[in-house]
Amino acid sequence: MNPKPWIEAARLKTLPLALSSPLMGSFLAWSEGSFQWSILILATVTTLFLQILSNFANDYGDFASGADNEERIGPRRLVQSGQITATQMKKGIVVTILLALISGLLLIWYGAKGKDTGIILLFLTLGIAAITAAIKYTVGKNPYGYRGLGDISVFLFFGLIGVLGTHFLHTGTFNPWHALPAAAIGLLSAGVLNLNNLRDYESDKKAKKRTMVVWLGDKNARLYHLALIILSAILGPLYVIFNYHSAYQFLFILAFPLFFRNIIAVFSYTDPIELYPELKRLATATLLFSVAFGLGHII
């Protein structure tokens, strides 16, 4: 089997975004003296498998629904282009589910070992929910991504649950203040999805794929994007103000010029194809924000 179409279908450019939440949760745990390498590695691997699963399911689901067609602007979809058959993609989805389950169960084993049964069941439920969310975004008779709910799912799983869950598996504790940087990562992740949907606005509208952008319309969707970025930029400093220890905690501000450049691009583009490179740039800026935030707290 030729691996190149599968590598393309995995959309490697989207993976830096997936790293942001386990890294943020792990850095916060490290700053509290409760870091575990096994948790970081397994949380990262599980998140990457979930992102790849989402990409595979999106490739298959949009093809099955007719959302992928010759008018689509974004990167080539492998099922729609015939590089991977629908049957092969379904098998690839199953394999990726199994890989995510294995790494996820190992993560829970190492992170929740010795804890109450209720905690273990909670993380098992969250893991199953994450796998289901990755698939049901575009697959099935009533995918939630076609009803404008994708942004909420991304905010929860790539933000709040991803960061707070990783931190808890390291430390066994929950700090409500950590909801601020976790929400910042979630908002930025929703921003990446919003860029994708802005780019595909016309084709999604014709295919009756009711994303948040289709619901809001082009102009309001740009304002929505502005709100996502600005609010995320506010939450980081707000956390530091109430949990101040050192000026190094503001290191994450290094990512702000990239955020503002992204805002300018969103309000100035005239051709949707111009947004294609912005997805990678915002994903990379989000990863930089996460790493700089964490390092600033460790230093």
C-alpha atoms as a PDB file:
ATOM      1  CA  MET A   1       0.000   0.000   0.000  1.00  0.00           C
ATOM      2  CA  ASN A   2       1.366   3.407  -0.992  1.00  0.00           C
ATOM      3  CA  PRO A   3       1.807   5.450   2.229  1.00  0.00           C
ATOM      4  CA  LYS A   4       1.921   8.850   0.510  1.00  0.00           C
ATOM      5  CA  PRO A   5      -1.881   9.325   0.153  1.00  0.00           C
ATOM      6  CA  TRP A   6      -2.336   8.349   3.811  1.00  0.00           C
ATOM      7  CA  ILE A   7       0.284  10.835   4.946  1.00  0.00           C
ATOM      8  CA  GLU A   8      -1.476  13.484   2.889  1.00  0.00           C
ATOM      9  CA  ALA A   9      -4.875  12.479   4.323  1.00  0.00           C
ATOM     10  CA  ALA A  10      -3.461  12.764   7.863  1.00  0.00           C
ATOM     11  CA  ARG A  11      -2.830  16.476   7.120  1.00  0.00           C
ATOM     12  CA  LEU A  12       0.433  16.824   9.009  1.00  0.00           C
ATOM     13  CA  LYS A  13       0.141  20.623   8.960  1.00  0.00           C
ATOM     14  CA  THR A  14      -2.799  20.384  11.392  1.00  0.00           C
ATOM     15  CA  LEU A  15      -0.858  18.353  13.965  1.00  0.00           C
ATOM     16  CA  PRO A  16       1.015  21.235  15.693  1.00  0.00           C
ATOM     17  CA  LEU A  17      -2.364  22.483  16.903  1.00  0.00           C
ATOM     18  CA  ALA A  18      -3.095  19.094  18.476  1.00  0.00           C
ATOM     19  CA  LEU A  19       0.133  19.334  20.502  1.00  0.00           C
ATOM     20  CA  SER A  20      -0.882  22.577  22.193  1.00  0.00           C
ATOM     21  CA  SER A  21      -3.295  21.196  24.804  1.00  0.00           C
ATOM     22  CA  PRO A  22      -1.213  18.257  26.152  1.00  0.00           C
ATOM     23  CA  LEU A  23       1.854  20.509  26.254  1.00  0.00           C
ATOM     24  CA  MET A  24      -0.005  23.269  28.108  1.00  0.00           C
ATOM     25  CA  GLY A  25      -1.397  20.811  30.667  1.00  0.00           C
ATOM     26  CA  SER A  26       2.019  19.185  31.097  1.00  0.00           C
ATOM     27  CA  PHE A  27       3.852  22.498  31.501  1.00  0.00           C
ATOM     28  CA  LEU A  28       1.370  23.608  34.165  1.00  0.00           C
ATOM     29  CA  ALA A  29       1.942  20.333  36.018  1.00  0.00           C
ATOM     30  CA  TRP A  30       5.729  20.733  35.665  1.00  0.00           C
ATOM     31  CA  SER A  31       5.557  24.217  37.186  1.00  0.00           C
ATOM     32  CA  GLU A  32       3.844  22.617  40.203  1.00  0.00           C
ATOM     33  CA  GLY A  33       6.479  19.882  40.542  1.00  0.00           C
ATOM     34  CA  SER A  34       4.233  16.998  39.454  1.00  0.00           C
ATOM     35  CA  PHE A  35       5.412  16.296  35.907  1.00  0.00           C
ATOM     36  CA  GLN A  36       5.512  12.726  34.489  1.00  0.00           C
ATOM     37  CA  TRP A  37       7.127  11.926  31.140  1.00  0.00           C
ATOM     38  CA  SER A  38       4.813   8.949  30.597  1.00  0.00           C
ATOM     39  CA  ILE A  39       1.763  11.209  30.820  1.00  0.00           C
ATOM     40  CA  LEU A  40       3.215  13.788  28.434  1.00  0.00           C
ATOM     41  CA  ILE A  41       4.167  11.168  25.839  1.00  0.00           C
ATOM     42  CA  LEU A  42       0.906   9.227  26.020  1.00  0.00           C
ATOM     43  CA  ALA A  43      -1.273  12.365  26.108  1.00  0.00           C
ATOM     44  CA  THR A  44       0.565  13.704  23.062  1.00  0.00           C
ATOM     45  CA  VAL A  45       0.319  10.430  21.127  1.00  0.00           C
ATOM     46  CA  THR A  46      -3.382  10.044  21.968  1.00  0.00           C
ATOM     47  CA  THR A  47      -4.158  13.610  20.907  1.00  0.00           C
ATOM     48  CA  LEU A  48      -2.281  13.148  17.636  1.00  0.00           C
ATOM     49  CA  PHE A  49      -4.217   9.955  16.884  1.00  0.00           C
ATOM     50  CA  LEU A  50      -7.485  11.783  17.618  1.00  0.00           C
ATOM     51  CA  GLN A  51      -6.499  14.599  15.246  1.00  0.00           C
ATOM     52  CA  ILE A  52      -5.573  12.128  12.499  1.00  0.00           C
ATOM     53  CA  LEU A  53      -8.820  10.252  13.133  1.00  0.00           C
ATOM     54  CA  SER A  54     -10.744  13.503  12.749  1.00  0.00           C
ATOM     55  CA  ASN A  55      -8.910  14.248   9.489  1.00  0.00           C
ATOM     56  CA  PHE A  56      -9.609  10.776   8.077  1.00  0.00           C
ATOM     57  CA  ALA A  57     -13.277  10.937   9.125  1.00  0.00           C
ATOM     58  CA  ASN A  58     -13.602  14.441   7.664  1.00  0.00           C
ATOM     59  CA  ASP A  59     -12.129  13.253   4.356  1.00  0.00           C
ATOM     60  CA  TYR A  60     -14.586  10.370   4.195  1.00  0.00           C
ATOM     61  CA  GLY A  61     -17.613  12.202   5.637  1.00  0.00           C
ATOM     62  CA  ASP A  62     -17.433  15.223   3.335  1.00  0.00           C
ATOM     63  CA  PHE A  63     -17.062  12.900   0.335  1.00  0.00           C
ATOM     64  CA  ALA A  64     -20.077  10.815   1.375  1.00  0.00           C
ATOM     65  CA  SER A  65     -22.236  13.905   1.917  1.00  0.00           C
ATOM     66  CA  GLY A  66     -21.166  15.597  -1.315  1.00  0.00           C
ATOM     67  CA  ALA A  67     -19.528  18.539   0.460  1.00  0.00           C
ATOM     68  CA  ASP A  68     -16.248  17.716  -1.295  1.00  0.00           C
ATOM     69  CA  ASN A  69     -16.450  18.555  -4.987  1.00  0.00           C
ATOM     70  CA  GLU A  70     -14.489  20.236  -7.747  1.00  0.00           C
ATOM     71  CA  GLU A  71     -15.384  23.704  -6.368  1.00  0.00           C
ATOM     72  CA  ARG A  72     -13.613  23.107  -3.065  1.00  0.00           C
ATOM     73  CA  ILE A  73     -10.645  25.441  -2.510  1.00  0.00           C
ATOM     74  CA  GLY A  74      -8.668  23.730   0.248  1.00  0.00           C
ATOM     75  CA  PRO A  75      -6.104  20.932   0.133  1.00  0.00           C
ATOM     76  CA  ARG A  76      -6.881  17.853  -1.945  1.00  0.00           C
ATOM     77  CA  ARG A  77      -9.194  15.343  -0.317  1.00  0.00           C
ATOM     78  CA  LEU A  78      -7.986  11.823  -0.904  1.00  0.00           C
ATOM     79  CA  VAL A  79     -11.311   9.974  -1.154  1.00  0.00           C
ATOM     80  CA  GLN A  80     -12.870  12.609  -3.397  1.00  0.00           C
ATOM     81  CA  SER A  81      -9.814  12.569  -5.670  1.00  0.00           C
ATOM     82  CA  GLY A  82      -9.793   8.765  -5.862  1.00  0.00           C
ATOM     83  CA  GLN A  83      -6.351   8.333  -4.270  1.00  0.00           C
ATOM     84  CA  ILE A  84      -7.963   6.371  -1.430  1.00  0.00           C
ATOM     85  CA  THR A  85     -11.218   4.467  -1.875  1.00  0.00           C
ATOM     86  CA  ALA A  86     -14.097   4.978   0.553  1.00  0.00           C
ATOM     87  CA  THR A  87     -13.708   1.378   1.739  1.00  0.00           C
ATOM     88  CA  GLN A  88     -10.007   1.851   2.377  1.00  0.00           C
ATOM     89  CA  MET A  89     -10.653   5.066   4.297  1.00  0.00           C
ATOM     90  CA  LYS A  90     -13.224   3.337   6.501  1.00  0.00           C
ATOM     91  CA  LYS A  91     -10.608   0.696   7.322  1.00  0.00           C
ATOM     92  CA  GLY A  92      -8.090   3.456   8.031  1.00  0.00           C
ATOM     93  CA  ILE A  93     -10.588   5.067  10.408  1.00  0.00           C
ATOM     94  CA  VAL A  94     -11.051   1.781  12.275  1.00  0.00           C
ATOM     95  CA  VAL A  95      -7.290   1.285  12.625  1.00  0.00           C
ATOM     96  CA  THR A  96      -6.850   4.839  13.910  1.00  0.00           C
ATOM     97  CA  ILE A  97      -9.678   4.335  16.424  1.00  0.00           C
ATOM     98  CA  LEU A  98      -7.899   1.250  17.756  1.00  0.00           C
ATOM     99  CA  LEU A  99      -4.599   3.126  18.039  1.00  0.00           C
ATOM    100  CA  ALA A 100      -6.296   6.011  19.861  1.00  0.00           C
ATOM    101  CA  LEU A 101      -7.990   3.528  22.206  1.00  0.00           C
ATOM    102  CA  ILE A 102      -4.738   1.745  23.019  1.00  0.00           C
ATOM    103  CA  SER A 103      -2.788   4.927  23.735  1.00  0.00           C
ATOM    104  CA  GLY A 104      -5.765   6.424  25.585  1.00  0.00           C
ATOM    105  CA  LEU A 105      -6.166   3.370  27.832  1.00  0.00           C
ATOM    106  CA  LEU A 106      -2.441   3.410  28.610  1.00  0.00           C
ATOM    107  CA  LEU A 107      -2.720   7.116  29.421  1.00  0.00           C
ATOM    108  CA  ILE A 108      -5.571   6.459  31.844  1.00  0.00           C
ATOM    109  CA  TRP A 109      -3.699   3.491  33.332  1.00  0.00           C
ATOM    110  CA  TYR A 110      -0.620   5.561  34.156  1.00  0.00           C
ATOM    111  CA  GLY A 111      -2.473   8.744  35.085  1.00  0.00           C
ATOM    112  CA  ALA A 112      -5.455   7.403  37.037  1.00  0.00           C
ATOM    113  CA  LYS A 113      -3.829   4.342  38.614  1.00  0.00           C
ATOM    114  CA  GLY A 114      -4.710   4.143  42.295  1.00  0.00           C
ATOM    115  CA  LYS A 115      -7.440   6.778  42.027  1.00  0.00           C
ATOM    116  CA  ASP A 116     -11.161   6.382  42.690  1.00  0.00           C
ATOM    117  CA  THR A 117     -13.170   4.267  40.280  1.00  0.00           C
ATOM    118  CA  GLY A 118     -15.263   7.325  39.502  1.00  0.00           C
ATOM    119  CA  ILE A 119     -12.190   9.173  38.204  1.00  0.00           C
ATOM    120  CA  ILE A 120     -11.225   6.238  35.991  1.00  0.00           C
ATOM    121  CA  LEU A 121     -14.763   5.993  34.611  1.00  0.00           C
ATOM    122  CA  LEU A 122     -14.815   9.743  33.991  1.00  0.00           C
ATOM    123  CA  PHE A 123     -11.670   9.602  31.865  1.00  0.00           C
ATOM    124  CA  LEU A 124     -12.901   6.504  30.036  1.00  0.00           C
ATOM    125  CA  THR A 125     -16.094   8.396  29.222  1.00  0.00           C
ATOM    126  CA  LEU A 126     -14.157  11.443  28.064  1.00  0.00           C
ATOM    127  CA  GLY A 127     -11.957   9.245  25.867  1.00  0.00           C
ATOM    128  CA  ILE A 128     -14.930   7.578  24.202  1.00  0.00           C
ATOM    129  CA  ALA A 129     -16.574  10.982  23.780  1.00  0.00           C
ATOM    130  CA  ALA A 130     -13.432  12.358  22.107  1.00  0.00           C
ATOM    131  CA  ILE A 131     -13.320   9.460  19.626  1.00  0.00           C
ATOM    132  CA  THR A 132     -17.033   9.818  18.915  1.00  0.00           C
ATOM    133  CA  ALA A 133     -16.682  13.580  18.421  1.00  0.00           C
ATOM    134  CA  ALA A 134     -13.791  13.085  15.984  1.00  0.00           C
ATOM    135  CA  ILE A 135     -15.923  10.770  13.852  1.00  0.00           C
ATOM    136  CA  LYS A 136     -19.347  12.384  14.116  1.00  0.00           C
ATOM    137  CA  TYR A 137     -18.106  15.824  13.055  1.00  0.00           C
ATOM    138  CA  THR A 138     -18.821  14.962   9.412  1.00  0.00           C
ATOM    139  CA  VAL A 139     -19.757  11.245   9.396  1.00  0.00           C
ATOM    140  CA  GLY A 140     -23.268   9.861   9.786  1.00  0.00           C
ATOM    141  CA  LYS A 141     -26.796  10.893   8.978  1.00  0.00           C
ATOM    142  CA  ASN A 142     -26.745  13.997  11.161  1.00  0.00           C
ATOM    143  CA  PRO A 143     -23.120  15.156  11.650  1.00  0.00           C
ATOM    144  CA  TYR A 144     -22.831  17.952  14.194  1.00  0.00           C
ATOM    145  CA  GLY A 145     -20.257  19.773  12.074  1.00  0.00           C
ATOM    146  CA  TYR A 146     -23.044  20.427   9.559  1.00  0.00           C
ATOM    147  CA  ARG A 147     -25.096  22.141  12.271  1.00  0.00           C
ATOM    148  CA  GLY A 148     -22.542  24.730  13.382  1.00  0.00           C
ATOM    149  CA  LEU A 149     -21.455  22.815  16.479  1.00  0.00           C
ATOM    150  CA  GLY A 150     -17.897  22.049  15.443  1.00  0.00           C
ATOM    151  CA  ASP A 151     -16.503  25.153  17.153  1.00  0.00           C
ATOM    152  CA  ILE A 152     -17.935  24.120  20.530  1.00  0.00           C
ATOM    153  CA  SER A 153     -16.497  20.614  20.188  1.00  0.00           C
ATOM    154  CA  VAL A 154     -13.039  21.946  19.298  1.00  0.00           C
ATOM    155  CA  PHE A 155     -13.140  24.421  22.197  1.00  0.00           C
ATOM    156  CA  LEU A 156     -13.985  21.653  24.661  1.00  0.00           C
ATOM    157  CA  PHE A 157     -11.733  18.821  23.501  1.00  0.00           C
ATOM    158  CA  PHE A 158      -8.720  20.821  22.289  1.00  0.00           C
ATOM    159  CA  GLY A 159      -9.050  23.387  25.056  1.00  0.00           C
ATOM    160  CA  LEU A 160     -10.723  22.741  28.400  1.00  0.00           C
ATOM    161  CA  ILE A 161     -10.719  18.936  28.421  1.00  0.00           C
ATOM    162  CA  GLY A 162      -7.338  18.576  26.720  1.00  0.00           C
ATOM    163  CA  VAL A 163      -5.469  20.949  29.043  1.00  0.00           C
ATOM    164  CA  LEU A 164      -7.273  20.310  32.338  1.00  0.00           C
ATOM    165  CA  GLY A 165      -7.437  16.557  31.740  1.00  0.00           C
ATOM    166  CA  THR A 166      -3.706  16.307  30.999  1.00  0.00           C
ATOM    167  CA  HIS A 167      -2.875  18.401  34.069  1.00  0.00           C
ATOM    168  CA  PHE A 168      -5.062  16.214  36.285  1.00  0.00           C
ATOM    169  CA  LEU A 169      -3.442  12.993  35.052  1.00  0.00           C
ATOM    170  CA  HIS A 170      -0.057  14.467  35.980  1.00  0.00           C
ATOM    171  CA  THR A 171      -1.028  15.840  39.373  1.00  0.00           C
ATOM    172  CA  GLY A 172      -4.301  14.300  40.520  1.00  0.00           C
ATOM    173  CA  THR A 173      -5.559  17.812  41.269  1.00  0.00           C
ATOM    174  CA  PHE A 174      -7.738  20.430  39.622  1.00  0.00           C
ATOM    175  CA  ASN A 175      -6.942  24.156  39.700  1.00  0.00           C
ATOM    176  CA  PRO A 176      -9.880  26.297  38.508  1.00  0.00           C
ATOM    177  CA  TRP A 177      -7.458  29.067  37.455  1.00  0.00           C
ATOM    178  CA  HIS A 178      -6.091  26.736  34.787  1.00  0.00           C
ATOM    179  CA  ALA A 179      -9.430  27.042  32.980  1.00  0.00           C
ATOM    180  CA  LEU A 180      -8.157  30.423  31.698  1.00  0.00           C
ATOM    181  CA  PRO A 181      -5.133  29.182  29.680  1.00  0.00           C
ATOM    182  CA  ALA A 182      -7.125  26.075  28.743  1.00  0.00           C
ATOM    183  CA  ALA A 183      -9.903  28.262  27.341  1.00  0.00           C
ATOM    184  CA  ALA A 184      -7.304  30.331  25.479  1.00  0.00           C
ATOM    185  CA  ILE A 185      -6.047  27.203  23.682  1.00  0.00           C
ATOM    186  CA  GLY A 186      -9.651  26.189  22.967  1.00  0.00           C
ATOM    187  CA  LEU A 187     -10.506  29.593  21.494  1.00  0.00           C
ATOM    188  CA  LEU A 188      -7.417  29.584  19.284  1.00  0.00           C
ATOM    189  CA  SER A 189      -8.240  26.055  18.115  1.00  0.00           C
ATOM    190  CA  ALA A 190     -11.753  27.225  17.243  1.00  0.00           C
ATOM    191  CA  GLY A 191     -10.078  30.053  15.349  1.00  0.00           C
ATOM    192  CA  VAL A 192      -8.204  27.558  13.175  1.00  0.00           C
ATOM    193  CA  LEU A 193     -11.476  25.776  12.414  1.00  0.00           C
ATOM    194  CA  ASN A 194     -13.094  29.129  11.644  1.00  0.00           C
ATOM    195  CA  LEU A 195     -10.341  29.899   9.120  1.00  0.00           C
ATOM    196  CA  ASN A 196     -10.997  26.563   7.453  1.00  0.00           C
ATOM    197  CA  ASN A 197     -14.712  27.302   7.287  1.00  0.00           C
ATOM    198  CA  LEU A 198     -14.167  30.851   6.006  1.00  0.00           C
ATOM    199  CA  ARG A 199     -12.073  29.429   3.183  1.00  0.00           C
ATOM    200  CA  ASP A 200     -14.782  26.873   2.329  1.00  0.00           C
ATOM    201  CA  TYR A 201     -17.713  29.246   2.863  1.00  0.00           C
ATOM    202  CA  GLU A 202     -19.130  29.189  -0.673  1.00  0.00           C
ATOM    203  CA  SER A 203     -18.733  25.443  -1.267  1.00  0.00           C
ATOM    204  CA  ASP A 204     -20.105  24.607   2.203  1.00  0.00           C
ATOM    205  CA  LYS A 205     -23.121  26.830   1.610  1.00  0.00           C
ATOM    206  CA  LYS A 206     -23.882  25.116  -1.698  1.00  0.00           C
ATOM    207  CA  ALA A 207     -23.456  21.679  -0.086  1.00  0.00           C
ATOM    208  CA  LYS A 208     -25.793  22.723   2.784  1.00  0.00           C
ATOM    209  CA  LYS A 209     -22.978  22.228   5.292  1.00  0.00           C
ATOM    210  CA  ARG A 210     -24.142  24.653   7.980  1.00  0.00           C
ATOM    211  CA  THR A 211     -20.871  25.581   9.666  1.00  0.00           C
ATOM    212  CA  MET A 212     -20.677  28.534  12.041  1.00  0.00           C
ATOM    213  CA  VAL A 213     -19.464  30.649   9.122  1.00  0.00           C
ATOM    214  CA  VAL A 214     -22.473  29.671   7.003  1.00  0.00           C
ATOM    215  CA  TRP A 215     -24.765  30.521   9.912  1.00  0.00           C
ATOM    216  CA  LEU A 216     -23.129  33.911  10.532  1.00  0.00           C
ATOM    217  CA  GLY A 217     -22.281  34.933   6.980  1.00  0.00           C
ATOM    218  CA  ASP A 218     -18.894  36.117   5.760  1.00  0.00           C
ATOM    219  CA  LYS A 219     -18.809  39.543   7.464  1.00  0.00           C
ATOM    220  CA  ASN A 220     -19.987  38.374  10.887  1.00  0.00           C
ATOM    221  CA  ALA A 221     -17.720  35.330  10.714  1.00  0.00           C
ATOM    222  CA  ARG A 222     -14.725  37.652  10.405  1.00  0.00           C
ATOM    223  CA  LEU A 223     -15.897  39.552  13.500  1.00  0.00           C
ATOM    224  CA  TYR A 224     -16.383  36.215  15.261  1.00  0.00           C
ATOM    225  CA  HIS A 225     -12.777  35.335  14.394  1.00  0.00           C
ATOM    226  CA  LEU A 226     -11.616  38.647  15.838  1.00  0.00           C
ATOM    227  CA  ALA A 227     -13.473  37.877  19.066  1.00  0.00           C
ATOM    228  CA  LEU A 228     -11.876  34.425  19.326  1.00  0.00           C
ATOM    229  CA  ILE A 229      -8.339  35.775  18.973  1.00  0.00           C
ATOM    230  CA  ILE A 230      -8.783  38.852  21.179  1.00  0.00           C
ATOM    231  CA  LEU A 231     -10.469  36.912  23.979  1.00  0.00           C
ATOM    232  CA  SER A 232      -7.744  34.250  23.914  1.00  0.00           C
ATOM    233  CA  ALA A 233      -5.123  37.012  24.102  1.00  0.00           C
ATOM    234  CA  ILE A 234      -6.863  38.481  27.172  1.00  0.00           C
ATOM    235  CA  LEU A 235      -7.105  35.206  29.107  1.00  0.00           C
ATOM    236  CA  GLY A 236      -3.332  34.612  29.266  1.00  0.00           C
ATOM    237  CA  PRO A 237      -2.458  37.940  30.951  1.00  0.00           C
ATOM    238  CA  LEU A 238      -5.537  37.643  33.168  1.00  0.00           C
ATOM    239  CA  TYR A 239      -4.265  34.316  34.516  1.00  0.00           C
ATOM    240  CA  VAL A 240      -0.801  35.741  35.179  1.00  0.00           C
ATOM    241  CA  ILE A 241      -2.157  38.825  36.946  1.00  0.00           C
ATOM    242  CA  PHE A 242      -3.956  36.644  39.502  1.00  0.00           C
ATOM    243  CA  ASN A 243      -1.137  34.061  39.727  1.00  0.00           C
ATOM    244  CA  TYR A 244       1.945  36.268  39.391  1.00  0.00           C
ATOM    245  CA  HIS A 245       5.385  34.980  40.377  1.00  0.00           C
ATOM    246  CA  SER A 246       7.786  36.335  37.770  1.00  0.00           C
ATOM    247  CA  ALA A 247       7.920  38.551  34.695  1.00  0.00           C
ATOM    248  CA  TYR A 248       8.906  35.430  32.733  1.00  0.00           C
ATOM    249  CA  GLN A 249       5.261  34.362  32.958  1.00  0.00           C
ATOM    250  CA  PHE A 250       4.494  36.909  30.242  1.00  0.00           C
ATOM    251  CA  LEU A 251       6.782  35.112  27.776  1.00  0.00           C
ATOM    252  CA  PHE A 252       3.708  33.966  25.789  1.00  0.00           C
ATOM    253  CA  ILE A 253       3.296  37.541  24.520  1.00  0.00           C
ATOM    254  CA  LEU A 254       5.874  36.542  21.890  1.00  0.00           C
ATOM    255  CA  ALA A 255       3.005  34.858  20.033  1.00  0.00           C
ATOM    256  CA  PHE A 256       0.823  37.981  19.941  1.00  0.00           C
ATOM    257  CA  PRO A 257       2.306  39.542  16.771  1.00  0.00           C
ATOM    258  CA  LEU A 258       1.413  36.319  14.936  1.00  0.00           C
ATOM    259  CA  PHE A 259      -2.153  36.530  16.230  1.00  0.00           C
ATOM    260  CA  PHE A 260      -2.559  40.115  15.111  1.00  0.00           C
ATOM    261  CA  ARG A 261      -1.070  39.320  11.711  1.00  0.00           C
ATOM    262  CA  ASN A 262      -3.694  36.601  11.404  1.00  0.00           C
ATOM    263  CA  ILE A 263      -6.473  39.067  12.222  1.00  0.00           C
ATOM    264  CA  ILE A 264      -5.209  41.430   9.530  1.00  0.00           C
ATOM    265  CA  ALA A 265      -5.196  38.584   7.001  1.00  0.00           C
ATOM    266  CA  VAL A 266      -8.787  37.644   7.859  1.00  0.00           C
ATOM    267  CA  PHE A 267     -10.056  41.193   7.383  1.00  0.00           C
ATOM    268  CA  SER A 268      -8.055  41.923   4.243  1.00  0.00           C
ATOM    269  CA  TYR A 269      -8.350  38.811   2.073  1.00  0.00           C
ATOM    270  CA  THR A 270     -10.335  39.043  -1.156  1.00  0.00           C
ATOM    271  CA  ASP A 271      -9.835  35.493  -2.435  1.00  0.00           C
ATOM    272  CA  PRO A 272     -10.587  32.606   0.006  1.00  0.00           C
ATOM    273  CA  ILE A 273      -7.490  30.735  -1.228  1.00  0.00           C
ATOM    274  CA  GLU A 274      -5.442  33.367   0.614  1.00  0.00           C
ATOM    275  CA  LEU A 275      -6.628  31.853   3.897  1.00  0.00           C
ATOM    276  CA  TYR A 276      -5.059  28.457   3.200  1.00  0.00           C
ATOM    277  CA  PRO A 277      -1.592  29.309   4.599  1.00  0.00           C
ATOM    278  CA  GLU A 278      -3.196  31.136   7.525  1.00  0.00           C
ATOM    279  CA  LEU A 279      -4.434  27.846   9.001  1.00  0.00           C
ATOM    280  CA  LYS A 280      -0.877  26.581   9.410  1.00  0.00           C
ATOM    281  CA  ARG A 281       0.300  29.955  10.707  1.00  0.00           C
ATOM    282  CA  LEU A 282      -2.383  30.189  13.394  1.00  0.00           C
ATOM    283  CA  ALA A 283      -1.857  26.531  14.387  1.00  0.00           C
ATOM    284  CA  THR A 284       1.876  27.211  14.755  1.00  0.00           C
ATOM    285  CA  ALA A 285       1.212  30.441  16.669  1.00  0.00           C
ATOM    286  CA  THR A 286      -1.063  28.507  19.051  1.00  0.00           C
ATOM    287  CA  LEU A 287       1.691  25.957  19.668  1.00  0.00           C
ATOM    288  CA  LEU A 288       4.158  28.817  20.279  1.00  0.00           C
ATOM    289  CA  PHE A 289       1.705  30.385  22.735  1.00  0.00           C
ATOM    290  CA  SER A 290       1.409  27.071  24.612  1.00  0.00           C
ATOM    291  CA  VAL A 291       5.155  26.414  24.775  1.00  0.00           C
ATOM    292  CA  ALA A 292       6.039  29.999  25.724  1.00  0.00           C
ATOM    293  CA  PHE A 293       3.308  30.074  28.367  1.00  0.00           C
ATOM    294  CA  GLY A 294       4.591  26.830  29.875  1.00  0.00           C
ATOM    295  CA  LEU A 295       8.272  27.758  29.763  1.00  0.00           C
ATOM    296  CA  GLY A 296       7.523  31.124  31.324  1.00  0.00           C
ATOM    297  CA  HIS A 297       5.928  29.399  34.301  1.00  0.00           C
ATOM    298  CA  ILE A 298       8.711  26.833  34.658  1.00  0.00           C
ATOM    299  CA  ILE A 299      11.459  29.479  34.530  1.00  0.00           C
END
